[in-house]
Protein backbone atom coordinates (compact mmCIF):
# COMPACT_ATOMS: atom_id res chain seq x y z
CA MET A 1 0.00 0.00 0.00
CA LYS A 2 1.32 3.44 -0.85
CA ALA A 3 1.86 6.23 1.55
CA VAL A 4 -0.82 8.82 1.88
CA THR A 5 0.25 11.78 -0.15
CA HIS A 6 -1.28 15.12 -0.73
CA HIS A 7 -2.64 16.85 -3.81
CA ARG A 8 -3.02 13.51 -5.60
CA ALA A 9 -6.20 14.13 -7.48
CA PHE A 10 -7.00 11.33 -9.88
CA ARG A 11 -5.74 7.77 -9.28
CA LEU A 12 -5.73 4.96 -11.80
CA PRO A 13 -4.30 1.52 -11.01
CA TYR A 14 -1.68 1.86 -13.75
CA ASN A 15 0.10 -1.36 -14.66
CA PRO A 16 2.09 -1.64 -17.92
CA SER A 17 1.26 -5.34 -18.15
CA GLY A 18 -2.45 -4.73 -17.63
CA GLY A 19 -2.62 -7.73 -15.31
CA ALA A 20 -3.86 -5.79 -12.29
CA LEU A 21 -6.48 -3.80 -14.13
CA SER A 22 -10.16 -4.59 -14.16
CA GLU A 23 -11.89 -4.66 -17.53
CA LYS A 24 -13.46 -1.29 -16.83
CA ASP A 25 -10.13 0.31 -15.84
CA ASP A 26 -8.45 -1.17 -18.89
CA VAL A 27 -11.00 0.47 -21.18
CA LEU A 28 -10.54 3.76 -19.34
CA LEU A 29 -6.77 3.65 -19.71
CA ARG A 30 -6.98 2.80 -23.41
CA ARG A 31 -9.21 5.79 -24.02
CA MET A 32 -6.80 8.08 -22.21
CA ASN A 33 -3.77 6.52 -23.87
CA GLY A 34 -5.23 7.20 -27.29
CA SER A 35 -4.88 10.94 -26.64
CA ALA A 36 -1.71 10.79 -24.53
CA THR A 37 1.92 11.63 -25.23
CA HIS A 38 4.68 9.47 -23.71
CA LEU A 39 7.22 11.52 -21.72
CA VAL A 40 10.44 10.66 -19.86
CA PHE A 41 11.82 12.92 -17.11
CA PRO A 42 15.32 12.53 -15.60
CA ARG A 43 15.86 13.00 -11.90
CA GLY A 44 15.61 16.68 -11.00
CA ALA A 45 13.42 17.62 -13.98
CA ILE A 46 10.45 19.91 -13.32
CA VAL A 47 7.32 18.35 -14.80
CA PHE A 48 5.24 21.47 -14.18
CA SER A 49 5.52 24.51 -11.91
CA GLN A 50 3.14 26.29 -9.62
CA GLY A 51 1.53 29.21 -11.42
CA MET A 52 1.89 27.81 -14.94
CA PRO A 53 -1.23 27.73 -17.17
CA PRO A 54 -3.02 24.37 -16.92
CA ALA A 55 -2.18 23.04 -20.36
CA THR A 56 -1.65 19.35 -19.58
CA LEU A 57 -2.83 16.49 -17.37
CA PHE A 58 -0.12 14.01 -16.33
CA LEU A 59 -0.49 10.28 -15.62
CA VAL A 60 2.53 8.93 -13.73
CA CYS A 61 3.52 5.50 -15.08
CA GLU A 62 6.90 4.91 -13.44
CA GLY A 63 9.14 6.75 -10.99
CA GLN A 64 8.34 9.28 -8.32
CA LEU A 65 7.62 13.00 -8.12
CA GLN A 66 8.04 15.41 -5.24
CA LEU A 67 5.17 17.88 -4.83
CA SER A 68 5.73 21.28 -3.28
CA ILE A 69 4.11 24.68 -2.82
CA GLY A 70 6.10 27.90 -3.00
CA SER A 71 5.49 31.30 -1.40
CA PRO A 72 6.04 34.72 -3.00
CA ALA A 73 9.06 35.07 -0.71
CA GLY A 74 10.68 32.08 -2.38
CA ARG A 75 10.09 29.54 0.41
CA SER A 76 9.14 26.05 -0.77
CA VAL A 77 7.12 23.60 1.33
CA PHE A 78 7.03 19.85 0.64
CA VAL A 79 3.46 18.54 0.50
CA GLY A 80 3.79 14.96 -0.70
CA LEU A 81 4.94 12.39 -3.24
CA ALA A 82 3.31 11.07 -6.40
CA GLY A 83 3.94 7.70 -8.03
CA PRO A 84 2.54 5.21 -10.55
CA GLY A 85 -1.21 5.59 -10.94
CA ASP A 86 -1.35 9.23 -9.88
CA VAL A 87 -2.79 11.80 -12.26
CA LEU A 88 -1.71 15.35 -11.53
CA GLY A 89 -3.26 18.65 -12.52
CA LEU A 90 -6.91 17.57 -12.57
CA SER A 91 -8.40 20.41 -10.52
CA SER A 92 -6.43 23.00 -12.47
CA ILE A 93 -7.47 21.47 -15.79
CA ILE A 94 -11.17 21.37 -14.89
CA ASN A 95 -11.28 24.80 -13.22
CA ASN A 96 -8.91 26.40 -15.76
CA ILE A 97 -6.69 27.85 -13.05
CA PRO A 98 -2.87 27.81 -12.84
CA TYR A 99 -1.19 24.73 -11.40
CA GLU A 100 -1.28 25.00 -7.60
CA ILE A 101 1.85 22.92 -6.96
CA THR A 102 5.25 22.18 -8.47
CA ALA A 103 6.07 18.58 -9.46
CA GLU A 104 9.75 17.58 -9.61
CA ALA A 105 11.08 14.13 -10.51
CA VAL A 106 13.04 12.67 -7.59
CA ARG A 107 13.60 9.46 -9.57
CA PRO A 108 13.70 8.91 -13.33
CA THR A 109 10.02 9.17 -14.21
CA VAL A 110 7.83 8.07 -17.10
CA ALA A 111 4.51 9.82 -17.58
CA LYS A 112 1.76 10.22 -20.12
CA SER A 113 0.40 13.68 -20.83
CA VAL A 114 -3.02 14.64 -22.15
CA GLY A 115 -3.77 18.19 -23.28
CA ARG A 116 -6.51 20.10 -21.49
CA ALA A 117 -8.79 20.28 -24.52
CA GLU A 118 -8.34 16.57 -25.25
CA PHE A 119 -9.08 15.58 -21.66
CA LEU A 120 -12.17 17.77 -21.45
CA GLY A 121 -13.31 16.18 -24.70
CA LEU A 122 -12.78 12.74 -23.19
CA MET A 123 -14.86 13.74 -20.17
CA ASN A 124 -17.68 15.01 -22.37
CA GLY A 125 -17.72 11.86 -24.48
CA ASN A 126 -17.03 9.23 -21.80
CA PRO A 127 -19.20 9.14 -18.66
CA GLU A 128 -16.69 6.79 -16.95
CA ILE A 129 -13.96 9.41 -17.09
CA ALA A 130 -16.31 12.18 -15.94
CA VAL A 131 -17.43 10.10 -12.96
CA ARG A 132 -13.84 9.21 -12.07
CA ALA A 133 -12.88 12.87 -12.22
CA ALA A 134 -15.76 13.84 -9.92
CA GLN A 135 -14.81 11.07 -7.48
CA ALA A 136 -11.20 12.20 -7.55
CA LEU A 137 -12.08 15.80 -6.74
CA ALA A 138 -14.23 14.59 -3.84
CA LYS A 139 -11.29 12.52 -2.56
CA GLU A 140 -9.04 15.53 -2.86
CA CYS A 141 -11.38 17.51 -0.61
CA HIS A 142 -11.37 14.58 1.83
CA SER A 143 -7.56 14.53 1.75
CA LEU A 144 -7.43 18.25 2.55
CA LEU A 145 -9.67 17.65 5.57
CA TYR A 146 -7.30 14.90 6.74
CA GLU A 147 -4.40 17.31 6.31
CA ALA A 148 -6.16 19.98 8.37
CA ARG A 149 -6.97 17.40 11.04
CA ARG A 150 -3.35 16.28 11.27
CA LEU A 151 -2.10 19.83 11.72
CA ALA A 152 -4.86 21.17 13.96
CA LEU A 153 -6.21 18.42 16.22
CA PRO A 154 -3.18 16.68 17.79
CA GLY A 155 -1.84 19.18 20.31
CA THR A 156 1.83 18.26 19.92
CA ALA A 157 4.33 17.38 17.22
CA ARG A 158 4.38 13.91 18.76
CA GLY A 159 0.67 13.50 18.07
CA ARG A 160 0.99 14.90 14.56
CA LEU A 161 3.81 12.47 13.73
CA ALA A 162 1.68 9.61 15.07
CA GLN A 163 -1.17 10.71 12.78
CA LEU A 164 1.19 10.90 9.81
CA MET A 165 2.35 7.33 10.40
CA LEU A 166 -1.23 6.11 10.67
CA ASP A 167 -2.19 7.98 7.52
CA TRP A 168 0.73 6.40 5.67
CA ALA A 169 -0.35 3.01 6.93
CA GLY A 170 -3.81 3.53 5.51
CA SER A 171 -6.00 4.42 8.49
CA VAL A 172 -5.26 1.39 10.63
CA GLY A 173 -8.39 -0.33 11.91
CA ASP A 174 -8.88 -2.48 15.00
CA ASN A 175 -8.40 -5.65 12.95
CA ALA A 176 -5.42 -4.47 10.91
CA SER A 177 -2.68 -7.03 10.41
CA SER A 178 0.13 -5.58 8.28
CA CYS A 179 0.80 -3.48 5.24
CA SER A 180 3.78 -1.95 3.50
CA VAL A 181 4.28 1.58 2.26
CA ASP A 182 7.13 2.61 0.01
CA VAL A 183 7.96 6.32 0.34
CA SER A 184 11.11 8.34 -0.13
CA CYS A 185 10.91 11.06 2.45
CA THR A 186 13.55 12.82 4.54
CA HIS A 187 13.03 13.80 8.14
CA GLU A 188 12.99 17.41 6.99
CA GLN A 189 10.16 16.66 4.56
CA MET A 190 8.26 14.78 7.25
CA GLY A 191 8.67 17.86 9.44
CA MET A 192 7.10 20.04 6.76
CA MET A 193 4.10 17.72 6.74
CA ILE A 194 3.53 18.02 10.51
CA ALA A 195 4.75 21.60 11.12
CA ALA A 196 7.90 20.52 12.96
CA THR A 197 11.66 20.78 12.47
CA ARG A 198 13.88 18.00 11.14
CA GLU A 199 15.52 17.72 14.55
CA THR A 200 12.14 17.26 16.23
CA VAL A 201 11.15 14.50 13.80
CA THR A 202 14.43 12.66 14.36
CA ARG A 203 14.06 12.94 18.15
CA LEU A 204 10.44 11.74 18.09
CA ILE A 205 11.19 8.75 15.87
CA ASN A 206 13.97 7.75 18.28
CA GLN A 207 11.55 8.17 21.20
CA PHE A 208 8.91 6.01 19.52
CA GLU A 209 11.50 3.29 19.04
CA ASN A 210 12.83 3.50 22.61
CA GLU A 211 9.26 3.29 23.96
CA GLY A 212 8.52 0.15 21.96
CA ILE A 213 5.95 1.79 19.69
CA ILE A 214 7.97 1.16 16.53
CA ARG A 215 11.02 -0.84 15.52
CA ARG A 216 13.38 0.05 12.68
CA GLU A 217 15.48 -2.37 10.69
CA GLY A 218 17.07 -0.81 7.66
CA ALA A 219 14.26 0.53 5.47
CA LEU A 220 11.62 -1.43 7.39
CA LEU A 221 9.65 0.43 10.03
CA GLU A 222 7.43 -1.85 12.12
CA ILE A 223 4.62 -0.21 14.04
CA LEU A 224 4.36 -2.53 17.02
CA ARG A 225 1.69 -0.65 18.95
CA PRO A 226 -0.67 1.17 16.58
CA GLU A 227 -3.18 1.61 19.39
CA VAL A 228 -0.69 3.95 21.10
CA LEU A 229 -0.33 6.03 17.94
CA LYS A 230 -4.12 6.29 17.79
CA ARG A 231 -4.27 7.59 21.35
CA LEU A 232 -1.52 10.09 20.63
CA THR A 233 -3.54 11.49 17.73
CA ALA A 234 -6.52 11.93 20.05
CA ASN A 235 -4.79 13.81 22.86
CA GLY A 236 -1.22 14.52 21.77
CA THR A 237 -0.01 14.04 25.36
CA GLY A 238 2.51 11.31 24.63
CA VAL A 239 1.30 9.24 27.58
CA ILE A 240 1.60 5.52 26.88
CA ALA A 241 -1.00 3.25 28.45
CA ASN A 242 -0.15 -0.24 29.65
CA GLY A 243 -0.87 -3.25 27.49
CA HIS A 244 0.26 -4.41 24.10
CA SER A 245 -1.74 -5.01 21.00
CA PRO A 246 -1.38 -8.42 19.33
CA GLU A 247 -1.42 -6.75 15.94
CA THR A 248 1.74 -5.56 14.26
CA LEU A 249 1.64 -3.07 11.43
CA GLN A 250 4.62 -3.16 9.08
CA THR A 251 5.29 -0.04 7.06
CA ARG A 252 8.22 0.05 4.62
CA VAL A 253 9.67 3.51 4.37
CA THR A 254 12.84 5.09 3.08
CA ALA A 255 13.12 7.89 5.58
CA THR A 256 16.51 9.54 5.96
CA GLU A 257 17.83 12.31 8.15
CA GLY A 258 18.90 14.32 5.10
CA PRO A 259 19.81 17.94 5.54
């Protein structure tokens, strides 16, 4: 399962082999592919920039993109990652407003692009695409509410980091067993997502491990006590109750302490 990321509008289960696609999704992809242009971006390439006219919709096929928002003062804030299956630029294309984020390739990336006029034509002629677009915009609103909740409700950075881990893990339920999430995110970027410094994120991750909430082994982060993370998101106090949960949530991350 992929990490929860932000500003991911329109998701398709892209698979070059087609093996994981349902018949309906396969038809949808073929219709989009008929109007799409194949693009390859090297690491560091800017796919589109905040403020640019919304000329193109992008379907990520391979690789990974870093999404950020910039301020007039030149400050850039990391808001998430995009990977295979993510379609970027949907809200800007539909509303005919400039791109609201900047997308930069952090790995060599392959994408398909569809011009605004072509995509709007596809929506008008294909109810499946129009419905998917509406569902995607609704999910984007839901994602923004989650983002506001993470920043506003937990009273401490500790609680906000706990919520971020649970969001990455896919809203862990009482009967959750395990899942894996592949993200490439530095501690500094994690800090931007929870309104904390890189040093605070590093300290809190070490605390979680020392308290037996998580265990790290290379790129594997095991959430041993998800029920504690849930309580932290509710009160942000950092108080750990007695008792262990029999469930273990495994989340694969690539989180570094980069500068």
